[in-house]
Amino acid sequence: MRLFPVTAAVVGRLWPILALMLTCVFADAAAAQGAGSGGLMSGTPAAGMIAPNADVFGPGGALGSPGESLIMPGSPATAMPMVPAGQVALALGARFGKEAAPIGGGLDWRIYAAKPDASGTFRLVREEKSAAPTMVLPAGNYIVHVDFGLATAVKPVALRGPTVHEMFDLPAGGLRMEGRVGNARIPPAQISFEVYKGSQFEPGDRRPIAEHVLTGAVVVVPEGTYYIISNYGDANSVVRSDIRVQAGKLTDDPVNHRAAAITLKLVTEKGGEALANTAWPVLTPGGDVIKESIGAFPRVILAEGEYRAIARNEGKVYEREVKVGAGVFGDVEVIGQ
C-alpha cells in the first residue's frame, strides 16, 4: 500500500477548483511528468512511452505507416465478478474521444480515497494496468486517475448500487521518430530525440516532456502540436521540426540530418600509422570549438560545412581544413611534419 502526502488543509482550500479540474484531460504533459511522487495523482510518473509491440498499435502489435490507427478491435466482454454485500463493481474504460473507439492497452489506472486520512495523505486503494478493468470496492467516494503515456484524465466517482460504469476520454496519439542521413538509417545508439509541447516558433523557455528518446520508441502524448529536437552524435548535428499529433493515430517523424561521421588521424606521412595521445579540437572557420577529443582515432559526427581540425601531440600543433559533406563518411588525415 502506497501513501502520497497531500495535506488536508491544502486540499480543503483547493477542493472547489480541483473538483472542476478532475473532469478534464490534463494536456500539460510536462506538468504531469514533473509532478513526482508527492502529489495526489502522481504515483510513478508516466514514462510517456509504450513498447512497440503493445497491442494498442494494431493487430499483432504491428507498427505501420504514418497515420496508422492506434485503435484496437473491441476486446471480448469481461465477466462481471461476484459483488458481496456492501461492495460495488467499478467498470472502467477509456477511449480516444467522445465518438471514438476504446483504447486497447497501455493504460495505468489508480484509485484513490476521496478524502485524506488522519495523517493528511490520500490513500492509494487500487492500481490496474489492463485496458478495461472491473474492480470490486467498498461503497463510497473515490478519485479515479488514468495515464495513457503522457495523457492523463481524472474524475471523482461515487460508488452506489451494484455496478458503476465510467468511461474516460483520452484524446491522445503516438509519436515515433527516426533519424536518417539521405536514405541511410542512423544507428539507434548514435541519435536521440527530445519532445517539447507547442511549436518551436512560440516564445518562451520550456522543458522537454520526453528526453533521450531512442529511434523507434513511441511517445504517447495528448493530441496537439509538438516540436522535436534531434541530436545526431554529441557535436553540432541538431535538427528541429514541428509535428502535429492526432488522437488515435500513430504519427511518424522521419528526421533527415545533413551530416557525416569522420575519423581523425595524425600521421607522419599519408596512409601512415596514427599517433596515439593526440588532442583534437575541431573548430569552425571563426574559431568556435565544436568538439574536443583525445586519441589516435577519434570519430566525430559533424553537420555538413567547413571546419579546422587541430592536432596537438608532444607539444607540437598541426592543423588542416576539413570540408564535411552530408553522408560522406571517411578518414581525415593530418600530416604531422
C-alpha atoms as a PDB file:
ATOM      1  CA  MET A   1       0.000   0.000   0.000  1.00  0.00           C
ATOM      2  CA  ARG A   2       1.472   3.391  -1.007  1.00  0.00           C
ATOM      3  CA  LEU A   3       0.743   6.774   0.569  1.00  0.00           C
ATOM      4  CA  PHE A   4       1.031  10.062  -1.262  1.00  0.00           C
ATOM      5  CA  PRO A   5       1.418  13.070   1.057  1.00  0.00           C
ATOM      6  CA  VAL A   6      -1.010  15.916   0.376  1.00  0.00           C
ATOM      7  CA  THR A   7      -2.169  17.889   3.413  1.00  0.00           C
ATOM      8  CA  ALA A   8      -5.847  18.083   4.233  1.00  0.00           C
ATOM      9  CA  ALA A   9      -5.607  21.847   4.754  1.00  0.00           C
ATOM     10  CA  VAL A  10      -4.323  22.429   1.230  1.00  0.00           C
ATOM     11  CA  VAL A  11      -6.945  20.145  -0.308  1.00  0.00           C
ATOM     12  CA  GLY A  12      -9.701  21.824   1.679  1.00  0.00           C
ATOM     13  CA  ARG A  13      -8.816  25.212   0.243  1.00  0.00           C
ATOM     14  CA  LEU A  14      -8.376  23.960  -3.312  1.00  0.00           C
ATOM     15  CA  TRP A  15     -11.198  21.388  -3.497  1.00  0.00           C
ATOM     16  CA  PRO A  16     -13.739  23.626  -5.351  1.00  0.00           C
ATOM     17  CA  ILE A  17     -11.189  24.218  -8.095  1.00  0.00           C
ATOM     18  CA  LEU A  18      -9.945  20.627  -8.029  1.00  0.00           C
ATOM     19  CA  ALA A  19     -13.451  19.271  -8.417  1.00  0.00           C
ATOM     20  CA  LEU A  20     -13.795  21.126 -11.720  1.00  0.00           C
ATOM     21  CA  MET A  21     -10.370  20.074 -12.920  1.00  0.00           C
ATOM     22  CA  LEU A  22     -10.951  16.415 -12.152  1.00  0.00           C
ATOM     23  CA  THR A  23     -13.291  16.052 -15.103  1.00  0.00           C
ATOM     24  CA  CYS A  24     -10.712  17.345 -17.590  1.00  0.00           C
ATOM     25  CA  VAL A  25      -7.907  15.721 -19.508  1.00  0.00           C
ATOM     26  CA  PHE A  26      -4.609  17.213 -18.397  1.00  0.00           C
ATOM     27  CA  ALA A  27      -2.997  18.219 -21.648  1.00  0.00           C
ATOM     28  CA  ASP A  28       0.053  19.722 -19.968  1.00  0.00           C
ATOM     29  CA  ALA A  29       2.213  16.630 -20.184  1.00  0.00           C
ATOM     30  CA  ALA A  30       5.255  18.317 -18.722  1.00  0.00           C
ATOM     31  CA  ALA A  31       3.433  19.059 -15.512  1.00  0.00           C
ATOM     32  CA  ALA A  32       2.139  15.519 -15.316  1.00  0.00           C
ATOM     33  CA  GLN A  33       5.619  14.169 -15.809  1.00  0.00           C
ATOM     34  CA  GLY A  34       7.245  16.515 -13.337  1.00  0.00           C
ATOM     35  CA  ALA A  35       4.732  16.114 -10.524  1.00  0.00           C
ATOM     36  CA  GLY A  36       6.894  13.475  -8.810  1.00  0.00           C
ATOM     37  CA  SER A  37       5.680  11.178  -6.084  1.00  0.00           C
ATOM     38  CA  GLY A  38       4.445  13.848  -3.695  1.00  0.00           C
ATOM     39  CA  GLY A  39       1.065  14.602  -5.277  1.00  0.00           C
ATOM     40  CA  LEU A  40      -2.349  13.040  -5.021  1.00  0.00           C
ATOM     41  CA  MET A  41      -2.377  11.851  -8.620  1.00  0.00           C
ATOM     42  CA  SER A  42       1.276  11.070  -9.146  1.00  0.00           C
ATOM     43  CA  GLY A  43       2.357   7.580  -8.103  1.00  0.00           C
ATOM     44  CA  THR A  44       5.104   6.672 -10.542  1.00  0.00           C
ATOM     45  CA  PRO A  45       5.434   9.433 -13.175  1.00  0.00           C
ATOM     46  CA  ALA A  46       4.216   8.345 -16.604  1.00  0.00           C
ATOM     47  CA  ALA A  47       7.090   7.482 -18.903  1.00  0.00           C
ATOM     48  CA  GLY A  48       5.048   8.535 -21.928  1.00  0.00           C
ATOM     49  CA  MET A  49       6.201   5.547 -23.933  1.00  0.00           C
ATOM     50  CA  ILE A  50       4.587   2.268 -24.818  1.00  0.00           C
ATOM     51  CA  ALA A  51       6.551  -0.757 -26.007  1.00  0.00           C
ATOM     52  CA  PRO A  52       6.441  -1.067 -29.814  1.00  0.00           C
ATOM     53  CA  ASN A  53       4.738  -4.468 -29.557  1.00  0.00           C
ATOM     54  CA  ALA A  54       1.888  -3.209 -27.363  1.00  0.00           C
ATOM     55  CA  ASP A  55      -1.490  -4.353 -28.658  1.00  0.00           C
ATOM     56  CA  VAL A  56      -2.743  -0.784 -28.748  1.00  0.00           C
ATOM     57  CA  PHE A  57      -0.861  -0.205 -32.006  1.00  0.00           C
ATOM     58  CA  GLY A  58      -2.763  -2.686 -34.101  1.00  0.00           C
ATOM     59  CA  PRO A  59      -3.335  -6.379 -34.723  1.00  0.00           C
ATOM     60  CA  GLY A  60      -0.266  -8.357 -33.738  1.00  0.00           C
ATOM     61  CA  GLY A  61       1.400  -5.224 -32.391  1.00  0.00           C
ATOM     62  CA  ALA A  62       2.456  -4.191 -35.908  1.00  0.00           C
ATOM     63  CA  LEU A  63       3.698  -0.650 -36.352  1.00  0.00           C
ATOM     64  CA  GLY A  64       2.739   0.727 -39.704  1.00  0.00           C
ATOM     65  CA  SER A  65       2.749   3.787 -41.890  1.00  0.00           C
ATOM     66  CA  PRO A  66       2.202   7.425 -40.859  1.00  0.00           C
ATOM     67  CA  GLY A  67      -1.354   7.981 -39.694  1.00  0.00           C
ATOM     68  CA  GLU A  68      -1.768   4.376 -38.590  1.00  0.00           C
ATOM     69  CA  SER A  69      -4.686   3.956 -36.215  1.00  0.00           C
ATOM     70  CA  LEU A  70      -3.964   3.128 -32.596  1.00  0.00           C
ATOM     71  CA  ILE A  71      -7.465   1.760 -32.098  1.00  0.00           C
ATOM     72  CA  MET A  72      -7.799  -1.937 -31.466  1.00  0.00           C
ATOM     73  CA  PRO A  73     -10.888  -4.011 -32.227  1.00  0.00           C
ATOM     74  CA  GLY A  74     -13.182  -4.253 -29.231  1.00  0.00           C
ATOM     75  CA  SER A  75     -11.954  -6.630 -26.540  1.00  0.00           C
ATOM     76  CA  PRO A  76     -14.181  -9.525 -25.515  1.00  0.00           C
ATOM     77  CA  ALA A  77     -16.543  -8.589 -22.715  1.00  0.00           C
ATOM     78  CA  THR A  78     -15.146  -9.302 -19.272  1.00  0.00           C
ATOM     79  CA  ALA A  79     -17.348 -11.359 -16.981  1.00  0.00           C
ATOM     80  CA  MET A  80     -18.673  -9.272 -14.110  1.00  0.00           C
ATOM     81  CA  PRO A  81     -17.259 -10.543 -10.793  1.00  0.00           C
ATOM     82  CA  MET A  82     -19.392 -11.510  -7.831  1.00  0.00           C
ATOM     83  CA  VAL A  83     -20.218  -8.448  -5.731  1.00  0.00           C
ATOM     84  CA  PRO A  84     -20.549  -9.085  -1.971  1.00  0.00           C
ATOM     85  CA  ALA A  85     -22.944  -7.056   0.144  1.00  0.00           C
ATOM     86  CA  GLY A  86     -21.658  -3.551   0.827  1.00  0.00           C
ATOM     87  CA  GLN A  87     -19.354  -3.688  -2.200  1.00  0.00           C
ATOM     88  CA  VAL A  88     -19.730  -2.125  -5.676  1.00  0.00           C
ATOM     89  CA  ALA A  89     -18.268  -3.198  -9.020  1.00  0.00           C
ATOM     90  CA  LEU A  90     -16.465  -0.337 -10.792  1.00  0.00           C
ATOM     91  CA  ALA A  91     -16.074  -0.992 -14.536  1.00  0.00           C
ATOM     92  CA  LEU A  92     -13.592   1.338 -16.217  1.00  0.00           C
ATOM     93  CA  GLY A  93     -12.710   2.062 -19.807  1.00  0.00           C
ATOM     94  CA  ALA A  94     -11.013   4.729 -21.905  1.00  0.00           C
ATOM     95  CA  ARG A  95     -11.438   5.915 -25.470  1.00  0.00           C
ATOM     96  CA  PHE A  96      -9.702   8.336 -27.801  1.00  0.00           C
ATOM     97  CA  GLY A  97     -12.641  10.751 -27.767  1.00  0.00           C
ATOM     98  CA  LYS A  98     -16.366  11.074 -27.306  1.00  0.00           C
ATOM     99  CA  GLU A  99     -17.209   9.400 -30.613  1.00  0.00           C
ATOM    100  CA  ALA A 100     -14.098   7.209 -30.817  1.00  0.00           C
ATOM    101  CA  ALA A 101     -13.449   3.520 -30.169  1.00  0.00           C
ATOM    102  CA  PRO A 102     -11.928   2.256 -26.891  1.00  0.00           C
ATOM    103  CA  ILE A 103      -8.196   2.338 -26.193  1.00  0.00           C
ATOM    104  CA  GLY A 104      -6.943  -1.237 -26.317  1.00  0.00           C
ATOM    105  CA  GLY A 105      -3.930  -1.102 -23.991  1.00  0.00           C
ATOM    106  CA  GLY A 106      -1.156   0.924 -22.399  1.00  0.00           C
ATOM    107  CA  LEU A 107      -3.404   2.295 -19.622  1.00  0.00           C
ATOM    108  CA  ASP A 108      -2.456   2.709 -15.980  1.00  0.00           C
ATOM    109  CA  TRP A 109      -5.396   3.081 -13.573  1.00  0.00           C
ATOM    110  CA  ARG A 110      -5.130   4.322  -9.987  1.00  0.00           C
ATOM    111  CA  ILE A 111      -7.971   4.546  -7.483  1.00  0.00           C
ATOM    112  CA  TYR A 112      -7.585   6.899  -4.510  1.00  0.00           C
ATOM    113  CA  ALA A 113      -9.696   7.535  -1.454  1.00  0.00           C
ATOM    114  CA  ALA A 114     -11.665  10.769  -1.929  1.00  0.00           C
ATOM    115  CA  LYS A 115     -10.631  12.204   1.429  1.00  0.00           C
ATOM    116  CA  PRO A 116      -7.278  12.332   3.242  1.00  0.00           C
ATOM    117  CA  ASP A 117      -6.759  10.166   6.285  1.00  0.00           C
ATOM    118  CA  ALA A 118      -5.777  11.374   9.762  1.00  0.00           C
ATOM    119  CA  SER A 119      -2.174  11.961   8.646  1.00  0.00           C
ATOM    120  CA  GLY A 120      -3.308  14.190   5.761  1.00  0.00           C
ATOM    121  CA  THR A 121      -2.486  11.760   2.957  1.00  0.00           C
ATOM    122  CA  PHE A 122      -4.655  10.324   0.212  1.00  0.00           C
ATOM    123  CA  ARG A 123      -4.524   6.560   0.202  1.00  0.00           C
ATOM    124  CA  LEU A 124      -3.938   4.612  -2.995  1.00  0.00           C
ATOM    125  CA  VAL A 125      -6.666   1.980  -2.919  1.00  0.00           C
ATOM    126  CA  ARG A 126      -6.044   0.028  -6.114  1.00  0.00           C
ATOM    127  CA  GLU A 127      -3.907   0.065  -9.242  1.00  0.00           C
ATOM    128  CA  GLU A 128      -4.618  -1.774 -12.505  1.00  0.00           C
ATOM    129  CA  LYS A 129      -2.884  -1.849 -15.889  1.00  0.00           C
ATOM    130  CA  SER A 130      -5.468  -3.644 -18.032  1.00  0.00           C
ATOM    131  CA  ALA A 131      -7.407  -1.806 -20.732  1.00  0.00           C
ATOM    132  CA  ALA A 132     -10.874  -2.182 -19.188  1.00  0.00           C
ATOM    133  CA  PRO A 133     -10.605  -3.370 -15.579  1.00  0.00           C
ATOM    134  CA  THR A 134     -13.502  -4.135 -13.265  1.00  0.00           C
ATOM    135  CA  MET A 135     -12.748  -3.657  -9.589  1.00  0.00           C
ATOM    136  CA  VAL A 136     -14.903  -4.550  -6.606  1.00  0.00           C
ATOM    137  CA  LEU A 137     -14.590  -1.885  -3.911  1.00  0.00           C
ATOM    138  CA  PRO A 138     -16.454  -0.879  -0.768  1.00  0.00           C
ATOM    139  CA  ALA A 139     -19.284   1.577  -1.456  1.00  0.00           C
ATOM    140  CA  GLY A 140     -18.177   5.196  -1.117  1.00  0.00           C
ATOM    141  CA  ASN A 141     -16.423   8.043  -2.878  1.00  0.00           C
ATOM    142  CA  TYR A 142     -13.166   7.704  -4.780  1.00  0.00           C
ATOM    143  CA  ILE A 143     -10.945   9.550  -7.225  1.00  0.00           C
ATOM    144  CA  VAL A 144     -10.042   7.676 -10.418  1.00  0.00           C
ATOM    145  CA  HIS A 145      -6.865   8.596 -12.294  1.00  0.00           C
ATOM    146  CA  VAL A 146      -5.753   7.107 -15.615  1.00  0.00           C
ATOM    147  CA  ASP A 147      -2.497   7.525 -17.548  1.00  0.00           C
ATOM    148  CA  PHE A 148      -2.037   6.780 -21.228  1.00  0.00           C
ATOM    149  CA  GLY A 149       1.582   7.702 -21.778  1.00  0.00           C
ATOM    150  CA  LEU A 150       1.684  11.443 -21.089  1.00  0.00           C
ATOM    151  CA  ALA A 151      -2.082  11.891 -21.494  1.00  0.00           C
ATOM    152  CA  THR A 152      -3.920  11.934 -18.179  1.00  0.00           C
ATOM    153  CA  ALA A 153      -7.534  12.124 -17.028  1.00  0.00           C
ATOM    154  CA  VAL A 154      -9.028  12.303 -13.526  1.00  0.00           C
ATOM    155  CA  LYS A 155     -12.553  12.306 -12.157  1.00  0.00           C
ATOM    156  CA  PRO A 156     -14.362  11.741  -8.846  1.00  0.00           C
ATOM    157  CA  VAL A 157     -16.577   8.643  -8.692  1.00  0.00           C
ATOM    158  CA  ALA A 158     -19.346   7.784  -6.234  1.00  0.00           C
ATOM    159  CA  LEU A 159     -19.882   4.029  -5.879  1.00  0.00           C
ATOM    160  CA  ARG A 160     -23.568   3.351  -5.203  1.00  0.00           C
ATOM    161  CA  GLY A 161     -25.591   0.363  -6.339  1.00  0.00           C
ATOM    162  CA  PRO A 162     -24.288  -2.962  -7.635  1.00  0.00           C
ATOM    163  CA  THR A 163     -22.264  -1.655 -10.644  1.00  0.00           C
ATOM    164  CA  VAL A 164     -20.865   1.698 -11.767  1.00  0.00           C
ATOM    165  CA  HIS A 165     -19.558   2.191 -15.317  1.00  0.00           C
ATOM    166  CA  GLU A 166     -17.131   5.022 -16.052  1.00  0.00           C
ATOM    167  CA  MET A 167     -15.673   5.896 -19.449  1.00  0.00           C
ATOM    168  CA  PHE A 168     -12.722   8.294 -19.731  1.00  0.00           C
ATOM    169  CA  ASP A 169     -11.919  10.338 -22.836  1.00  0.00           C
ATOM    170  CA  LEU A 170      -8.197  10.497 -23.646  1.00  0.00           C
ATOM    171  CA  PRO A 171      -7.659  12.273 -26.972  1.00  0.00           C
ATOM    172  CA  ALA A 172      -4.064  11.158 -27.439  1.00  0.00           C
ATOM    173  CA  GLY A 173      -1.833   9.807 -30.179  1.00  0.00           C
ATOM    174  CA  GLY A 174       1.543   8.187 -30.653  1.00  0.00           C
ATOM    175  CA  LEU A 175       4.708   9.864 -31.905  1.00  0.00           C
ATOM    176  CA  ARG A 176       7.539   7.755 -33.342  1.00  0.00           C
ATOM    177  CA  MET A 177      10.830   9.221 -34.577  1.00  0.00           C
ATOM    178  CA  GLU A 178      13.662   8.008 -36.766  1.00  0.00           C
ATOM    179  CA  GLY A 179      16.874   9.647 -37.962  1.00  0.00           C
ATOM    180  CA  ARG A 180      18.351   9.362 -41.439  1.00  0.00           C
ATOM    181  CA  VAL A 181      21.270  10.657 -43.463  1.00  0.00           C
ATOM    182  CA  GLY A 182      19.986  10.607 -47.011  1.00  0.00           C
ATOM    183  CA  ASN A 183      18.409   7.162 -47.417  1.00  0.00           C
ATOM    184  CA  ALA A 184      20.564   5.560 -44.712  1.00  0.00           C
ATOM    185  CA  ARG A 185      19.034   4.974 -41.286  1.00  0.00           C
ATOM    186  CA  ILE A 186      21.111   6.383 -38.422  1.00  0.00           C
ATOM    187  CA  PRO A 187      22.021   3.626 -35.906  1.00  0.00           C
ATOM    188  CA  PRO A 188      19.891   3.961 -32.745  1.00  0.00           C
ATOM    189  CA  ALA A 189      22.929   4.368 -30.473  1.00  0.00           C
ATOM    190  CA  GLN A 190      24.040   7.493 -32.369  1.00  0.00           C
ATOM    191  CA  ILE A 191      20.850   9.560 -32.232  1.00  0.00           C
ATOM    192  CA  SER A 192      18.335  10.677 -29.632  1.00  0.00           C
ATOM    193  CA  PHE A 193      15.298  12.928 -29.529  1.00  0.00           C
ATOM    194  CA  GLU A 194      13.663  15.429 -27.193  1.00  0.00           C
ATOM    195  CA  VAL A 195       9.955  16.275 -27.379  1.00  0.00           C
ATOM    196  CA  TYR A 196       8.513  19.679 -26.443  1.00  0.00           C
ATOM    197  CA  LYS A 197       4.901  20.838 -26.305  1.00  0.00           C
ATOM    198  CA  GLY A 198       3.908  23.530 -28.811  1.00  0.00           C
ATOM    199  CA  SER A 199       5.774  24.935 -31.804  1.00  0.00           C
ATOM    200  CA  GLN A 200       9.457  25.755 -31.934  1.00  0.00           C
ATOM    201  CA  PHE A 201       8.431  29.236 -33.103  1.00  0.00           C
ATOM    202  CA  GLU A 202       6.463  30.028 -29.943  1.00  0.00           C
ATOM    203  CA  PRO A 203       8.309  32.317 -27.494  1.00  0.00           C
ATOM    204  CA  GLY A 204       9.458  31.296 -24.037  1.00  0.00           C
ATOM    205  CA  ASP A 205      11.673  28.668 -22.465  1.00  0.00           C
ATOM    206  CA  ARG A 206      10.195  25.213 -21.996  1.00  0.00           C
ATOM    207  CA  ARG A 207      11.321  21.949 -20.527  1.00  0.00           C
ATOM    208  CA  PRO A 208      11.115  18.798 -22.662  1.00  0.00           C
ATOM    209  CA  ILE A 209       8.222  16.477 -21.857  1.00  0.00           C
ATOM    210  CA  ALA A 210      10.292  13.485 -23.045  1.00  0.00           C
ATOM    211  CA  GLU A 211      14.096  13.219 -23.207  1.00  0.00           C
ATOM    212  CA  HIS A 212      16.661  10.770 -24.583  1.00  0.00           C
ATOM    213  CA  VAL A 213      14.015   9.103 -26.749  1.00  0.00           C
ATOM    214  CA  LEU A 214      15.507   6.384 -28.934  1.00  0.00           C
ATOM    215  CA  THR A 215      14.776   5.652 -32.575  1.00  0.00           C
ATOM    216  CA  GLY A 216      11.586   3.611 -32.944  1.00  0.00           C
ATOM    217  CA  ALA A 217      10.281   4.251 -29.420  1.00  0.00           C
ATOM    218  CA  VAL A 218       6.714   5.525 -29.284  1.00  0.00           C
ATOM    219  CA  VAL A 219       5.874   8.549 -27.151  1.00  0.00           C
ATOM    220  CA  VAL A 220       2.156   8.834 -26.321  1.00  0.00           C
ATOM    221  CA  VAL A 221       1.031  12.457 -25.943  1.00  0.00           C
ATOM    222  CA  PRO A 222      -2.238  14.421 -25.886  1.00  0.00           C
ATOM    223  CA  GLU A 223      -3.264  15.455 -29.388  1.00  0.00           C
ATOM    224  CA  GLY A 224      -1.731  18.747 -30.464  1.00  0.00           C
ATOM    225  CA  THR A 225       1.399  20.344 -31.875  1.00  0.00           C
ATOM    226  CA  TYR A 226       4.868  19.363 -30.688  1.00  0.00           C
ATOM    227  CA  TYR A 227       8.378  20.136 -31.748  1.00  0.00           C
ATOM    228  CA  ILE A 228      11.207  17.653 -31.870  1.00  0.00           C
ATOM    229  CA  ILE A 229      14.919  18.261 -31.311  1.00  0.00           C
ATOM    230  CA  SER A 230      17.017  15.529 -32.878  1.00  0.00           C
ATOM    231  CA  ASN A 231      20.662  15.151 -31.830  1.00  0.00           C
ATOM    232  CA  TYR A 232      22.886  13.060 -34.089  1.00  0.00           C
ATOM    233  CA  GLY A 233      26.098  12.461 -32.190  1.00  0.00           C
ATOM    234  CA  ASP A 234      27.226  14.889 -29.490  1.00  0.00           C
ATOM    235  CA  ALA A 235      28.595  17.769 -31.542  1.00  0.00           C
ATOM    236  CA  ASN A 236      26.594  20.116 -33.775  1.00  0.00           C
ATOM    237  CA  SER A 237      24.273  17.964 -35.898  1.00  0.00           C
ATOM    238  CA  VAL A 238      20.937  19.145 -34.490  1.00  0.00           C
ATOM    239  CA  VAL A 239      17.602  19.255 -36.359  1.00  0.00           C
ATOM    240  CA  ARG A 240      14.392  20.876 -35.102  1.00  0.00           C
ATOM    241  CA  SER A 241      10.970  20.078 -36.529  1.00  0.00           C
ATOM    242  CA  ASP A 242       7.296  20.690 -35.717  1.00  0.00           C
ATOM    243  CA  ILE A 243       4.732  17.919 -35.951  1.00  0.00           C
ATOM    244  CA  ARG A 244       1.000  17.528 -35.370  1.00  0.00           C
ATOM    245  CA  VAL A 245      -0.250  14.500 -33.402  1.00  0.00           C
ATOM    246  CA  GLN A 246      -3.838  13.337 -33.924  1.00  0.00           C
ATOM    247  CA  ALA A 247      -5.934  11.428 -31.428  1.00  0.00           C
ATOM    248  CA  GLY A 248      -5.942   7.688 -32.084  1.00  0.00           C
ATOM    249  CA  LYS A 249      -3.158   7.859 -34.679  1.00  0.00           C
ATOM    250  CA  LEU A 250       0.491   6.848 -34.738  1.00  0.00           C
ATOM    251  CA  THR A 251       2.464   9.667 -36.352  1.00  0.00           C
ATOM    252  CA  ASP A 252       5.930   9.035 -37.783  1.00  0.00           C
ATOM    253  CA  ASP A 253       8.525  11.816 -37.865  1.00  0.00           C
ATOM    254  CA  PRO A 254      11.490  10.881 -40.079  1.00  0.00           C
ATOM    255  CA  VAL A 255      14.275  13.393 -39.397  1.00  0.00           C
ATOM    256  CA  ASN A 256      16.941  13.903 -42.048  1.00  0.00           C
ATOM    257  CA  HIS A 257      20.368  15.071 -40.878  1.00  0.00           C
ATOM    258  CA  ARG A 258      22.773  16.667 -43.325  1.00  0.00           C
ATOM    259  CA  ALA A 259      25.868  15.384 -41.561  1.00  0.00           C
ATOM    260  CA  ALA A 260      28.587  12.754 -41.604  1.00  0.00           C
ATOM    261  CA  ALA A 261      30.914  10.864 -39.285  1.00  0.00           C
ATOM    262  CA  ILE A 262      34.634  11.338 -39.833  1.00  0.00           C
ATOM    263  CA  THR A 263      37.649   9.676 -38.192  1.00  0.00           C
ATOM    264  CA  LEU A 264      40.591  11.934 -37.378  1.00  0.00           C
ATOM    265  CA  LYS A 265      44.186  10.702 -37.630  1.00  0.00           C
ATOM    266  CA  LEU A 266      47.521  12.382 -37.020  1.00  0.00           C
ATOM    267  CA  VAL A 267      50.125  10.683 -39.210  1.00  0.00           C
ATOM    268  CA  THR A 268      53.724  11.367 -40.180  1.00  0.00           C
ATOM    269  CA  GLU A 269      53.000  10.532 -43.806  1.00  0.00           C
ATOM    270  CA  LYS A 270      49.955   9.887 -45.920  1.00  0.00           C
ATOM    271  CA  GLY A 271      48.482   6.495 -45.072  1.00  0.00           C
ATOM    272  CA  GLY A 272      50.819   6.124 -42.120  1.00  0.00           C
ATOM    273  CA  GLU A 273      50.101   4.877 -38.613  1.00  0.00           C
ATOM    274  CA  ALA A 274      48.018   7.190 -36.439  1.00  0.00           C
ATOM    275  CA  LEU A 275      49.825   8.700 -33.453  1.00  0.00           C
ATOM    276  CA  ALA A 276      48.367   7.984 -30.025  1.00  0.00           C
ATOM    277  CA  ASN A 277      47.720  10.513 -27.259  1.00  0.00           C
ATOM    278  CA  THR A 278      46.663  13.226 -29.694  1.00  0.00           C
ATOM    279  CA  ALA A 279      44.322  16.018 -28.573  1.00  0.00           C
ATOM    280  CA  TRP A 280      41.794  17.051 -31.234  1.00  0.00           C
ATOM    281  CA  PRO A 281      39.872  20.316 -31.068  1.00  0.00           C
ATOM    282  CA  VAL A 282      37.553  20.771 -34.067  1.00  0.00           C
ATOM    283  CA  LEU A 283      36.752  24.428 -34.753  1.00  0.00           C
ATOM    284  CA  THR A 284      34.581  26.466 -37.055  1.00  0.00           C
ATOM    285  CA  PRO A 285      36.398  28.775 -39.502  1.00  0.00           C
ATOM    286  CA  GLY A 286      35.680  31.564 -36.996  1.00  0.00           C
ATOM    287  CA  GLY A 287      37.431  29.715 -34.170  1.00  0.00           C
ATOM    288  CA  ASP A 288      34.469  28.349 -32.174  1.00  0.00           C
ATOM    289  CA  VAL A 289      35.154  24.939 -30.654  1.00  0.00           C
ATOM    290  CA  ILE A 290      32.649  22.340 -31.893  1.00  0.00           C
ATOM    291  CA  LYS A 291      34.128  19.158 -30.450  1.00  0.00           C
ATOM    292  CA  GLU A 292      37.171  18.065 -28.458  1.00  0.00           C
ATOM    293  CA  SER A 293      38.566  14.522 -28.397  1.00  0.00           C
ATOM    294  CA  ILE A 294      41.692  12.676 -27.339  1.00  0.00           C
ATOM    295  CA  GLY A 295      43.073   9.554 -29.005  1.00  0.00           C
ATOM    296  CA  ALA A 296      44.591   8.081 -32.115  1.00  0.00           C
ATOM    297  CA  PHE A 297      41.290   7.514 -33.988  1.00  0.00           C
ATOM    298  CA  PRO A 298      38.555   9.808 -32.612  1.00  0.00           C
ATOM    299  CA  ARG A 299      35.288   9.548 -34.518  1.00  0.00           C
ATOM    300  CA  VAL A 300      33.373  12.810 -34.775  1.00  0.00           C
ATOM    301  CA  ILE A 301      29.879  13.400 -36.149  1.00  0.00           C
ATOM    302  CA  LEU A 302      29.565  16.861 -37.702  1.00  0.00           C
ATOM    303  CA  ALA A 303      26.938  18.797 -39.617  1.00  0.00           C
ATOM    304  CA  GLU A 304      27.954  19.485 -43.191  1.00  0.00           C
ATOM    305  CA  GLY A 305      30.214  22.504 -43.514  1.00  0.00           C
ATOM    306  CA  GLU A 306      33.802  23.667 -43.220  1.00  0.00           C
ATOM    307  CA  TYR A 307      35.980  23.157 -40.143  1.00  0.00           C
ATOM    308  CA  ARG A 308      39.540  23.338 -38.855  1.00  0.00           C
ATOM    309  CA  ALA A 309      40.914  20.107 -37.377  1.00  0.00           C
ATOM    310  CA  ILE A 310      43.754  20.799 -34.957  1.00  0.00           C
ATOM    311  CA  ALA A 311      46.042  18.023 -33.703  1.00  0.00           C
ATOM    312  CA  ARG A 312      48.209  18.525 -30.602  1.00  0.00           C
ATOM    313  CA  ASN A 313      50.838  15.901 -29.879  1.00  0.00           C
ATOM    314  CA  GLU A 314      54.017  16.063 -27.751  1.00  0.00           C
ATOM    315  CA  GLY A 315      53.976  19.855 -27.615  1.00  0.00           C
ATOM    316  CA  LYS A 316      53.509  20.327 -31.347  1.00  0.00           C
ATOM    317  CA  VAL A 317      50.407  21.626 -33.117  1.00  0.00           C
ATOM    318  CA  TYR A 318      49.234  20.671 -36.597  1.00  0.00           C
ATOM    319  CA  GLU A 319      46.193  21.870 -38.485  1.00  0.00           C
ATOM    320  CA  ARG A 320      44.100  21.042 -41.517  1.00  0.00           C
ATOM    321  CA  GLU A 321      40.977  22.461 -43.111  1.00  0.00           C
ATOM    322  CA  VAL A 322      38.177  19.912 -43.372  1.00  0.00           C
ATOM    323  CA  LYS A 323      35.044  20.025 -45.511  1.00  0.00           C
ATOM    324  CA  VAL A 324      32.237  17.729 -44.354  1.00  0.00           C
ATOM    325  CA  GLY A 325      29.580  16.692 -46.864  1.00  0.00           C
ATOM    326  CA  ALA A 326      26.244  15.149 -45.941  1.00  0.00           C
ATOM    327  CA  GLY A 327      26.596  11.368 -45.936  1.00  0.00           C
ATOM    328  CA  VAL A 328      30.287  11.442 -46.918  1.00  0.00           C
ATOM    329  CA  PHE A 329      31.923   9.263 -44.261  1.00  0.00           C
ATOM    330  CA  GLY A 330      35.645   8.621 -44.119  1.00  0.00           C
ATOM    331  CA  ASP A 331      39.055   9.301 -42.580  1.00  0.00           C
ATOM    332  CA  VAL A 332      40.682  12.721 -42.278  1.00  0.00           C
ATOM    333  CA  GLU A 333      44.460  12.622 -42.016  1.00  0.00           C
ATOM    334  CA  VAL A 334      46.504  15.486 -40.593  1.00  0.00           C
ATOM    335  CA  ILE A 335      50.141  15.228 -41.654  1.00  0.00           C
ATOM    336  CA  GLY A 336      52.483  15.951 -38.761  1.00  0.00           C
ATOM    337  CA  GLN A 337      55.663  17.276 -40.351  1.00  0.00           C
END
